[in-house]
Amino acid sequence: NSGFWWTMGSMLLTAVVLSVLFWRKRYLARTGER
C-alpha cells in the first residue's frame, strides 16, 4: 500500500542529495559566481 510513497521518497531523496552534492562542487553555479 505504501510502495508508491516509498519509491517517490527515495527518488526525491536521491535528487536532493545529488543536487546538494553538485551545488557544493559548483557544477550548478554560474561562472561569474565562482
Full PDB file with SEQRES, HELIX, SHEET, SSBOND, CRYST1, ORIGX, SCALE, CONECT and MASTER records, all heavy atoms in Angstrom:
SEQRES   1 A   34  ASN SER GLY PHE TRP TRP THR MET GLY SER MET LEU LEU          
SEQRES   2 A   34  THR ALA VAL VAL LEU SER VAL LEU PHE TRP ARG LYS ARG          
SEQRES   3 A   34  TYR LEU ALA ARG THR GLY GLU ARG                              
HELIX    1 AA1 GLY A    3  ARG A   24  1                                  22    
HELIX    2 AA2 THR A   31  GLU A   33  5                                   3    
CRYST1    1.000    1.000    1.000  90.00  90.00  90.00 P 1           1          
ORIGX1      1.000000  0.000000  0.000000        0.00000                         
ORIGX2      0.000000  1.000000  0.000000        0.00000                         
ORIGX3      0.000000  0.000000  1.000000        0.00000                         
SCALE1      1.000000  0.000000  0.000000        0.00000                         
SCALE2      0.000000  1.000000  0.000000        0.00000                         
SCALE3      0.000000  0.000000  1.000000        0.00000                         
ATOM      1  N   ASN A   1       0.813  -1.224   0.000  1.00  0.00           N  
ATOM      2  CA  ASN A   1       0.000   0.000   0.000  1.00  0.00           C  
ATOM      3  C   ASN A   1       0.843   1.269   0.000  1.00  0.00           C  
ATOM      4  O   ASN A   1       0.455   2.275  -0.601  1.00  0.00           O  
ATOM      5  CB  ASN A   1      -0.927   0.008   1.222  1.00  0.00           C  
ATOM      6  CG  ASN A   1      -1.993  -1.064   1.145  1.00  0.00           C  
ATOM      7  OD1 ASN A   1      -2.374  -1.479   0.036  1.00  0.00           O  
ATOM      8  ND2 ASN A   1      -2.472  -1.541   2.284  1.00  0.00           N  
ATOM      9  N   SER A   2       1.996   1.232   0.676  1.00  0.00           N  
ATOM     10  CA  SER A   2       2.856   2.417   0.755  1.00  0.00           C  
ATOM     11  C   SER A   2       4.052   2.344  -0.198  1.00  0.00           C  
ATOM     12  O   SER A   2       4.990   3.121  -0.092  1.00  0.00           O  
ATOM     13  CB  SER A   2       3.373   2.603   2.185  1.00  0.00           C  
ATOM     14  OG  SER A   2       4.113   1.459   2.602  1.00  0.00           O  
ATOM     15  N   GLY A   3       4.015   1.374  -1.134  1.00  0.00           N  
ATOM     16  CA  GLY A   3       5.147   1.222  -2.046  1.00  0.00           C  
ATOM     17  C   GLY A   3       5.372   2.447  -2.925  1.00  0.00           C  
ATOM     18  O   GLY A   3       6.519   2.844  -3.190  1.00  0.00           O  
ATOM     19  N   PHE A   4       4.286   3.021  -3.379  1.00  0.00           N  
ATOM     20  CA  PHE A   4       4.420   4.211  -4.233  1.00  0.00           C  
ATOM     21  C   PHE A   4       5.128   5.333  -3.502  1.00  0.00           C  
ATOM     22  O   PHE A   4       6.031   5.980  -4.056  1.00  0.00           O  
ATOM     23  CB  PHE A   4       3.036   4.659  -4.714  1.00  0.00           C  
ATOM     24  CG  PHE A   4       3.046   5.974  -5.441  1.00  0.00           C  
ATOM     25  CD1 PHE A   4       3.479   6.061  -6.763  1.00  0.00           C  
ATOM     26  CD2 PHE A   4       2.642   7.153  -4.794  1.00  0.00           C  
ATOM     27  CE1 PHE A   4       3.480   7.269  -7.425  1.00  0.00           C  
ATOM     28  CE2 PHE A   4       2.656   8.356  -5.459  1.00  0.00           C  
ATOM     29  CZ  PHE A   4       3.072   8.425  -6.774  1.00  0.00           C  
ATOM     30  N   TRP A   5       4.723   5.565  -2.234  1.00  0.00           N  
ATOM     31  CA  TRP A   5       5.301   6.689  -1.489  1.00  0.00           C  
ATOM     32  C   TRP A   5       6.757   6.422  -1.120  1.00  0.00           C  
ATOM     33  O   TRP A   5       7.580   7.313  -1.085  1.00  0.00           O  
ATOM     34  CB  TRP A   5       4.472   6.973  -0.231  1.00  0.00           C  
ATOM     35  CG  TRP A   5       3.057   7.335  -0.560  1.00  0.00           C  
ATOM     36  CD1 TRP A   5       1.948   6.600  -0.358  1.00  0.00           C  
ATOM     37  CD2 TRP A   5       2.643   8.528  -1.214  1.00  0.00           C  
ATOM     38  NE1 TRP A   5       0.825   7.243  -0.831  1.00  0.00           N  
ATOM     39  CE2 TRP A   5       1.258   8.469  -1.370  1.00  0.00           C  
ATOM     40  CE3 TRP A   5       3.295   9.668  -1.702  1.00  0.00           C  
ATOM     41  CZ2 TRP A   5       0.500   9.458  -1.952  1.00  0.00           C  
ATOM     42  CZ3 TRP A   5       2.547  10.674  -2.274  1.00  0.00           C  
ATOM     43  CH2 TRP A   5       1.159  10.562  -2.414  1.00  0.00           C  
ATOM     44  N   TRP A   6       7.076   5.134  -0.825  1.00  0.00           N  
ATOM     45  CA  TRP A   6       8.471   4.798  -0.570  1.00  0.00           C  
ATOM     46  C   TRP A   6       9.328   5.052  -1.814  1.00  0.00           C  
ATOM     47  O   TRP A   6      10.439   5.569  -1.727  1.00  0.00           O  
ATOM     48  CB  TRP A   6       8.604   3.343  -0.138  1.00  0.00           C  
ATOM     49  CG  TRP A   6       8.299   3.121   1.321  1.00  0.00           C  
ATOM     50  CD1 TRP A   6       7.171   2.588   1.847  1.00  0.00           C  
ATOM     51  CD2 TRP A   6       9.160   3.427   2.399  1.00  0.00           C  
ATOM     52  NE1 TRP A   6       7.233   2.533   3.211  1.00  0.00           N  
ATOM     53  CE2 TRP A   6       8.469   3.051   3.586  1.00  0.00           C  
ATOM     54  CE3 TRP A   6      10.434   3.982   2.519  1.00  0.00           C  
ATOM     55  CZ2 TRP A   6       9.021   3.222   4.852  1.00  0.00           C  
ATOM     56  CZ3 TRP A   6      10.973   4.133   3.776  1.00  0.00           C  
ATOM     57  CH2 TRP A   6      10.278   3.767   4.928  1.00  0.00           C  
ATOM     58  N   THR A   7       8.802   4.710  -2.947  1.00  0.00           N  
ATOM     59  CA  THR A   7       9.552   4.921  -4.198  1.00  0.00           C  
ATOM     60  C   THR A   7       9.739   6.404  -4.482  1.00  0.00           C  
ATOM     61  O   THR A   7      10.833   6.868  -4.830  1.00  0.00           O  
ATOM     62  CB  THR A   7       8.822   4.247  -5.368  1.00  0.00           C  
ATOM     63  OG1 THR A   7       8.641   2.859  -5.086  1.00  0.00           O  
ATOM     64  CG2 THR A   7       9.614   4.407  -6.657  1.00  0.00           C  
ATOM     65  N   MET A   8       8.651   7.185  -4.342  1.00  0.00           N  
ATOM     66  CA  MET A   8       8.745   8.630  -4.579  1.00  0.00           C  
ATOM     67  C   MET A   8       9.696   9.288  -3.588  1.00  0.00           C  
ATOM     68  O   MET A   8      10.476  10.185  -3.935  1.00  0.00           O  
ATOM     69  CB  MET A   8       7.362   9.271  -4.494  1.00  0.00           C  
ATOM     70  CG  MET A   8       6.419   8.839  -5.614  1.00  0.00           C  
ATOM     71  SD  MET A   8       7.027   9.297  -7.264  1.00  0.00           S  
ATOM     72  CE  MET A   8       6.989  11.075  -7.131  1.00  0.00           C  
ATOM     73  N   GLY A   9       9.643   8.842  -2.344  1.00  0.00           N  
ATOM     74  CA  GLY A   9      10.547   9.414  -1.343  1.00  0.00           C  
ATOM     75  C   GLY A   9      12.009   9.129  -1.648  1.00  0.00           C  
ATOM     76  O   GLY A   9      12.881  10.004  -1.503  1.00  0.00           O  
ATOM     77  N   SER A  10      12.271   7.878  -2.061  1.00  0.00           N  
ATOM     78  CA  SER A  10      13.662   7.552  -2.395  1.00  0.00           C  
ATOM     79  C   SER A  10      14.140   8.333  -3.616  1.00  0.00           C  
ATOM     80  O   SER A  10      15.289   8.784  -3.682  1.00  0.00           O  
ATOM     81  CB  SER A  10      13.796   6.051  -2.649  1.00  0.00           C  
ATOM     82  OG  SER A  10      12.993   5.662  -3.753  1.00  0.00           O  
ATOM     83  N   MET A  11      13.247   8.500  -4.580  1.00  0.00           N  
ATOM     84  CA  MET A  11      13.620   9.275  -5.763  1.00  0.00           C  
ATOM     85  C   MET A  11      13.882  10.741  -5.385  1.00  0.00           C  
ATOM     86  O   MET A  11      14.857  11.354  -5.847  1.00  0.00           O  
ATOM     87  CB  MET A  11      12.528   9.193  -6.826  1.00  0.00           C  
ATOM     88  CG  MET A  11      12.364   7.785  -7.416  1.00  0.00           C  
ATOM     89  SD  MET A  11      10.932   7.650  -8.522  1.00  0.00           S  
ATOM     90  CE  MET A  11      11.463   8.688  -9.860  1.00  0.00           C  
ATOM     91  N   LEU A  12      13.010  11.289  -4.520  1.00  0.00           N  
ATOM     92  CA  LEU A  12      13.202  12.676  -4.088  1.00  0.00           C  
ATOM     93  C   LEU A  12      14.479  12.829  -3.270  1.00  0.00           C  
ATOM     94  O   LEU A  12      15.232  13.790  -3.457  1.00  0.00           O  
ATOM     95  CB  LEU A  12      11.993  13.124  -3.267  1.00  0.00           C  
ATOM     96  CG  LEU A  12      12.034  14.568  -2.722  1.00  0.00           C  
ATOM     97  CD1 LEU A  12      12.125  15.560  -3.877  1.00  0.00           C  
ATOM     98  CD2 LEU A  12      10.805  14.852  -1.860  1.00  0.00           C  
ATOM     99  N   LEU A  13      14.739  11.893  -2.389  1.00  0.00           N  
ATOM    100  CA  LEU A  13      15.957  11.945  -1.583  1.00  0.00           C  
ATOM    101  C   LEU A  13      17.199  11.858  -2.463  1.00  0.00           C  
ATOM    102  O   LEU A  13      18.175  12.592  -2.260  1.00  0.00           O  
ATOM    103  CB  LEU A  13      15.952  10.811  -0.558  1.00  0.00           C  
ATOM    104  CG  LEU A  13      17.188  10.713   0.352  1.00  0.00           C  
ATOM    105  CD1 LEU A  13      17.321  11.987   1.183  1.00  0.00           C  
ATOM    106  CD2 LEU A  13      17.107   9.483   1.229  1.00  0.00           C  
ATOM    107  N   THR A  14      17.153  10.968  -3.454  1.00  0.00           N  
ATOM    108  CA  THR A  14      18.290  10.846  -4.370  1.00  0.00           C  
ATOM    109  C   THR A  14      18.525  12.152  -5.142  1.00  0.00           C  
ATOM    110  O   THR A  14      19.663  12.611  -5.287  1.00  0.00           O  
ATOM    111  CB  THR A  14      18.043   9.696  -5.361  1.00  0.00           C  
ATOM    112  OG1 THR A  14      17.848   8.475  -4.624  1.00  0.00           O  
ATOM    113  CG2 THR A  14      19.213   9.538  -6.306  1.00  0.00           C  
ATOM    114  N   ALA A  15      17.431  12.777  -5.602  1.00  0.00           N  
ATOM    115  CA  ALA A  15      17.557  14.035  -6.347  1.00  0.00           C  
ATOM    116  C   ALA A  15      18.121  15.145  -5.470  1.00  0.00           C  
ATOM    117  O   ALA A  15      18.988  15.919  -5.893  1.00  0.00           O  
ATOM    118  CB  ALA A  15      16.206  14.440  -6.921  1.00  0.00           C  
ATOM    119  N   VAL A  16      17.635  15.207  -4.199  1.00  0.00           N  
ATOM    120  CA  VAL A  16      18.113  16.254  -3.289  1.00  0.00           C  
ATOM    121  C   VAL A  16      19.581  16.051  -2.958  1.00  0.00           C  
ATOM    122  O   VAL A  16      20.386  16.997  -2.973  1.00  0.00           O  
ATOM    123  CB  VAL A  16      17.249  16.276  -2.001  1.00  0.00           C  
ATOM    124  CG1 VAL A  16      17.877  17.195  -0.957  1.00  0.00           C  
ATOM    125  CG2 VAL A  16      15.834  16.729  -2.325  1.00  0.00           C  
ATOM    126  N   VAL A  17      19.968  14.818  -2.673  1.00  0.00           N  
ATOM    127  CA  VAL A  17      21.370  14.548  -2.322  1.00  0.00           C  
ATOM    128  C   VAL A  17      22.289  14.888  -3.496  1.00  0.00           C  
ATOM    129  O   VAL A  17      23.340  15.531  -3.328  1.00  0.00           O  
ATOM    130  CB  VAL A  17      21.532  13.073  -1.896  1.00  0.00           C  
ATOM    131  CG1 VAL A  17      23.009  12.709  -1.784  1.00  0.00           C  
ATOM    132  CG2 VAL A  17      20.824  12.832  -0.575  1.00  0.00           C  
ATOM    133  N   LEU A  18      21.919  14.487  -4.705  1.00  0.00           N  
ATOM    134  CA  LEU A  18      22.745  14.783  -5.865  1.00  0.00           C  
ATOM    135  C   LEU A  18      22.790  16.292  -6.157  1.00  0.00           C  
ATOM    136  O   LEU A  18      23.837  16.841  -6.532  1.00  0.00           O  
ATOM    137  CB  LEU A  18      22.230  14.032  -7.093  1.00  0.00           C  
ATOM    138  CG  LEU A  18      22.435  12.520  -7.076  1.00  0.00           C  
ATOM    139  CD1 LEU A  18      21.790  11.882  -8.300  1.00  0.00           C  
ATOM    140  CD2 LEU A  18      23.928  12.177  -7.039  1.00  0.00           C  
ATOM    141  N   SER A  19      21.639  16.964  -5.958  1.00  0.00           N  
ATOM    142  CA  SER A  19      21.606  18.413  -6.192  1.00  0.00           C  
ATOM    143  C   SER A  19      22.526  19.137  -5.214  1.00  0.00           C  
ATOM    144  O   SER A  19      23.286  20.034  -5.592  1.00  0.00           O  
ATOM    145  CB  SER A  19      20.175  18.939  -6.058  1.00  0.00           C  
ATOM    146  OG  SER A  19      19.337  18.371  -7.037  1.00  0.00           O  
ATOM    147  N   VAL A  20      22.456  18.745  -3.925  1.00  0.00           N  
ATOM    148  CA  VAL A  20      23.333  19.373  -2.932  1.00  0.00           C  
ATOM    149  C   VAL A  20      24.789  19.077  -3.236  1.00  0.00           C  
ATOM    150  O   VAL A  20      25.663  19.953  -3.136  1.00  0.00           O  
ATOM    151  CB  VAL A  20      22.952  18.891  -1.508  1.00  0.00           C  
ATOM    152  CG1 VAL A  20      23.975  19.378  -0.494  1.00  0.00           C  
ATOM    153  CG2 VAL A  20      21.565  19.380  -1.145  1.00  0.00           C  
ATOM    154  N   LEU A  21      25.091  17.848  -3.658  1.00  0.00           N  
ATOM    155  CA  LEU A  21      26.461  17.478  -3.980  1.00  0.00           C  
ATOM    156  C   LEU A  21      26.981  18.290  -5.166  1.00  0.00           C  
ATOM    157  O   LEU A  21      28.098  18.837  -5.125  1.00  0.00           O  
ATOM    158  CB  LEU A  21      26.526  15.976  -4.278  1.00  0.00           C  
ATOM    159  CG  LEU A  21      27.912  15.442  -4.696  1.00  0.00           C  
ATOM    160  CD1 LEU A  21      28.913  15.622  -3.565  1.00  0.00           C  
ATOM    161  CD2 LEU A  21      27.809  13.976  -5.090  1.00  0.00           C  
ATOM    162  N   PHE A  22      26.187  18.382  -6.206  1.00  0.00           N  
ATOM    163  CA  PHE A  22      26.611  19.137  -7.380  1.00  0.00           C  
ATOM    164  C   PHE A  22      26.711  20.637  -7.078  1.00  0.00           C  
ATOM    165  O   PHE A  22      27.554  21.343  -7.631  1.00  0.00           O  
ATOM    166  CB  PHE A  22      25.653  18.895  -8.548  1.00  0.00           C  
ATOM    167  CG  PHE A  22      25.734  17.491  -9.105  1.00  0.00           C  
ATOM    168  CD1 PHE A  22      24.658  16.935  -9.788  1.00  0.00           C  
ATOM    169  CD2 PHE A  22      26.876  16.729  -8.931  1.00  0.00           C  
ATOM    170  CE1 PHE A  22      24.737  15.654 -10.291  1.00  0.00           C  
ATOM    171  CE2 PHE A  22      26.955  15.445  -9.436  1.00  0.00           C  
ATOM    172  CZ  PHE A  22      25.883  14.902 -10.113  1.00  0.00           C  
ATOM    173  N   TRP A  23      25.837  21.133  -6.210  1.00  0.00           N  
ATOM    174  CA  TRP A  23      25.885  22.549  -5.844  1.00  0.00           C  
ATOM    175  C   TRP A  23      27.149  22.866  -5.058  1.00  0.00           C  
ATOM    176  O   TRP A  23      27.780  23.905  -5.268  1.00  0.00           O  
ATOM    177  CB  TRP A  23      24.647  22.917  -5.050  1.00  0.00           C  
ATOM    178  CG  TRP A  23      24.559  24.397  -4.764  1.00  0.00           C  
ATOM    179  CD1 TRP A  23      24.972  25.048  -3.652  1.00  0.00           C  
ATOM    180  CD2 TRP A  23      24.020  25.391  -5.638  1.00  0.00           C  
ATOM    181  NE1 TRP A  23      24.741  26.386  -3.763  1.00  0.00           N  
ATOM    182  CE2 TRP A  23      24.151  26.631  -4.984  1.00  0.00           C  
ATOM    183  CE3 TRP A  23      23.438  25.342  -6.911  1.00  0.00           C  
ATOM    184  CZ2 TRP A  23      23.709  27.834  -5.562  1.00  0.00           C  
ATOM    185  CZ3 TRP A  23      23.004  26.534  -7.471  1.00  0.00           C  
ATOM    186  CH2 TRP A  23      23.149  27.754  -6.804  1.00  0.00           C  
ATOM    187  N   ARG A  24      27.528  21.980  -4.149  1.00  0.00           N  
ATOM    188  CA  ARG A  24      28.753  22.191  -3.363  1.00  0.00           C  
ATOM    189  C   ARG A  24      29.997  22.114  -4.247  1.00  0.00           C  
ATOM    190  O   ARG A  24      30.997  22.786  -3.983  1.00  0.00           O  
ATOM    191  CB  ARG A  24      28.833  21.165  -2.234  1.00  0.00           C  
ATOM    192  CG  ARG A  24      27.824  21.398  -1.115  1.00  0.00           C  
ATOM    193  CD  ARG A  24      27.960  20.345  -0.029  1.00  0.00           C  
ATOM    194  NE  ARG A  24      29.275  20.424   0.598  1.00  0.00           N  
ATOM    195  CZ  ARG A  24      29.576  21.221   1.628  1.00  0.00           C  
ATOM    196  NH1 ARG A  24      28.641  22.030   2.133  1.00  0.00           N  
ATOM    197  NH2 ARG A  24      30.778  21.222   2.157  1.00  0.00           N  
ATOM    198  N   LYS A  25      29.925  21.309  -5.284  1.00  0.00           N  
ATOM    199  CA  LYS A  25      31.047  21.224  -6.221  1.00  0.00           C  
ATOM    200  C   LYS A  25      30.977  22.290  -7.311  1.00  0.00           C  
ATOM    201  O   LYS A  25      31.783  22.292  -8.233  1.00  0.00           O  
ATOM    202  CB  LYS A  25      31.079  19.835  -6.862  1.00  0.00           C  
ATOM    203  CG  LYS A  25      31.496  18.731  -5.896  1.00  0.00           C  
ATOM    204  CD  LYS A  25      31.582  17.399  -6.609  1.00  0.00           C  
ATOM    205  CE  LYS A  25      32.101  16.319  -5.667  1.00  0.00           C  
ATOM    206  NZ  LYS A  25      33.511  16.567  -5.292  1.00  0.00           N  
ATOM    207  N   ARG A  26      30.000  23.194  -7.190  1.00  0.00           N  
ATOM    208  CA  ARG A  26      29.828  24.312  -8.110  1.00  0.00           C  
ATOM    209  C   ARG A  26      29.509  23.877  -9.534  1.00  0.00           C  
ATOM    210  O   ARG A  26      29.796  24.599 -10.484  1.00  0.00           O  
ATOM    211  CB  ARG A  26      31.087  25.198  -8.129  1.00  0.00           C  
ATOM    212  CG  ARG A  26      31.520  25.710  -6.766  1.00  0.00           C  
ATOM    213  CD  ARG A  26      30.460  26.633  -6.156  1.00  0.00           C  
ATOM    214  NE  ARG A  26      30.855  27.096  -4.836  1.00  0.00           N  
ATOM    215  CZ  ARG A  26      31.568  28.199  -4.611  1.00  0.00           C  
ATOM    216  NH1 ARG A  26      31.970  28.928  -5.627  1.00  0.00           N  
ATOM    217  NH2 ARG A  26      31.867  28.572  -3.398  1.00  0.00           N  
ATOM    218  N   TYR A  27      28.916  22.695  -9.682  1.00  0.00           N  
ATOM    219  CA  TYR A  27      28.517  22.281 -11.028  1.00  0.00           C  
ATOM    220  C   TYR A  27      27.254  23.001 -11.494  1.00  0.00           C  
ATOM    221  O   TYR A  27      26.986  23.051 -12.688  1.00  0.00           O  
ATOM    222  CB  TYR A  27      28.260  20.775 -11.066  1.00  0.00           C  
ATOM    223  CG  TYR A  27      29.507  19.927 -10.855  1.00  0.00           C  
ATOM    224  CD1 TYR A  27      29.402  18.594 -10.490  1.00  0.00           C  
ATOM    225  CD2 TYR A  27      30.771  20.471 -11.031  1.00  0.00           C  
ATOM    226  CE1 TYR A  27      30.552  17.813 -10.300  1.00  0.00           C  
ATOM    227  CE2 TYR A  27      31.902  19.720 -10.836  1.00  0.00           C  
ATOM    228  CZ  TYR A  27      31.794  18.400 -10.466  1.00  0.00           C  
ATOM    229  OH  TYR A  27      32.912  17.652 -10.275  1.00  0.00           O  
ATOM    230  N   LEU A  28      26.475  23.513 -10.541  1.00  0.00           N  
ATOM    231  CA  LEU A  28      25.232  24.203 -10.868  1.00  0.00           C  
ATOM    232  C   LEU A  28      25.340  25.700 -10.655  1.00  0.00           C  
ATOM    233  O   LEU A  28      24.343  26.403 -10.689  1.00  0.00           O  
ATOM    234  CB  LEU A  28      24.080  23.658 -10.002  1.00  0.00           C  
ATOM    235  CG  LEU A  28      23.691  22.197 -10.270  1.00  0.00           C  
ATOM    236  CD1 LEU A  28      22.620  21.756  -9.278  1.00  0.00           C  
ATOM    237  CD2 LEU A  28      23.181  22.035 -11.696  1.00  0.00           C  
ATOM    238  N   ALA A  29      26.552  26.224 -10.420  1.00  0.00           N  
ATOM    239  CA  ALA A  29      26.762  27.658 -10.187  1.00  0.00           C  
ATOM    240  C   ALA A  29      27.214  28.323 -11.482  1.00  0.00           C  
ATOM    241  O   ALA A  29      27.834  27.698 -12.349  1.00  0.00           O  
ATOM    242  CB  ALA A  29      27.792  27.884  -9.098  1.00  0.00           C  
ATOM    243  N   ARG A  30      26.902  29.593 -11.618  1.00  0.00           N  
ATOM    244  CA  ARG A  30      27.346  30.356 -12.770  1.00  0.00           C  
ATOM    245  C   ARG A  30      28.840  30.669 -12.662  1.00  0.00           C  
ATOM    246  O   ARG A  30      29.403  30.736 -11.570  1.00  0.00           O  
ATOM    247  CB  ARG A  30      26.570  31.667 -12.893  1.00  0.00           C  
ATOM    248  CG  ARG A  30      25.099  31.482 -13.294  1.00  0.00           C  
ATOM    249  CD  ARG A  30      24.416  32.814 -13.409  1.00  0.00           C  
ATOM    250  NE  ARG A  30      23.058  32.680 -13.841  1.00  0.00           N  
ATOM    251  CZ  ARG A  30      22.664  32.668 -15.108  1.00  0.00           C  
ATOM    252  NH1 ARG A  30      23.562  32.810 -16.061  1.00  0.00           N  
ATOM    253  NH2 ARG A  30      21.409  32.546 -15.437  1.00  0.00           N  
ATOM    254  N   THR A  31      29.443  30.928 -13.814  1.00  0.00           N  
ATOM    255  CA  THR A  31      30.875  31.234 -13.811  1.00  0.00           C  
ATOM    256  C   THR A  31      31.150  32.530 -13.075  1.00  0.00           C  
ATOM    257  O   THR A  31      32.146  32.654 -12.354  1.00  0.00           O  
ATOM    258  CB  THR A  31      31.391  31.363 -15.257  1.00  0.00           C  
ATOM    259  OG1 THR A  31      31.114  30.138 -15.953  1.00  0.00           O  
ATOM    260  CG2 THR A  31      32.888  31.618 -15.280  1.00  0.00           C  
ATOM    261  N   GLY A  32      30.283  33.516 -13.191  1.00  0.00           N  
ATOM    262  CA  GLY A  32      30.501  34.792 -12.520  1.00  0.00           C  
ATOM    263  C   GLY A  32      30.369  34.708 -11.028  1.00  0.00           C  
ATOM    264  O   GLY A  32      30.805  35.601 -10.300  1.00  0.00           O  
ATOM    265  N   GLU A  33      29.771  33.633 -10.478  1.00  0.00           N  
ATOM    266  CA  GLU A  33      29.592  33.489  -9.042  1.00  0.00           C  
ATOM    267  C   GLU A  33      30.665  32.630  -8.424  1.00  0.00           C  
ATOM    268  O   GLU A  33      30.675  32.396  -7.230  1.00  0.00           O  
ATOM    269  CB  GLU A  33      28.208  32.882  -8.751  1.00  0.00           C  
ATOM    270  CG  GLU A  33      27.059  33.765  -9.245  1.00  0.00           C  
ATOM    271  CD  GLU A  33      25.716  33.073  -9.069  1.00  0.00           C  
ATOM    272  OE1 GLU A  33      25.734  31.906  -8.641  1.00  0.00           O  
ATOM    273  OE2 GLU A  33      24.688  33.700  -9.346  1.00  0.00           O  
ATOM    274  N   ARG A  34      31.562  32.113  -9.227  1.00  0.00           N  
ATOM    275  CA  ARG A  34      32.564  31.199  -8.715  1.00  0.00           C  
ATOM    276  C   ARG A  34      33.681  31.963  -8.031  1.00  0.00           C  
ATOM    277  O   ARG A  34      34.023  33.046  -8.432  1.00  0.00           O  
ATOM    278  CB  ARG A  34      33.137  30.354  -9.856  1.00  0.00           C  
ATOM    279  CG  ARG A  34      32.061  29.504 -10.515  1.00  0.00           C  
ATOM    280  CD  ARG A  34      32.627  28.657 -11.621  1.00  0.00           C  
ATOM    281  NE  ARG A  34      33.547  27.656 -11.097  1.00  0.00           N  
ATOM    282  CZ  ARG A  34      34.168  26.751 -11.851  1.00  0.00           C  
ATOM    283  NH1 ARG A  34      33.947  26.739 -13.140  1.00  0.00           N  
ATOM    284  NH2 ARG A  34      34.990  25.877 -11.319  1.00  0.00           N  
TER     285      ARG A  34                                                      
MASTER        0    0    0    2    0    0    0    6  284    1    0    3          
END                                                                             
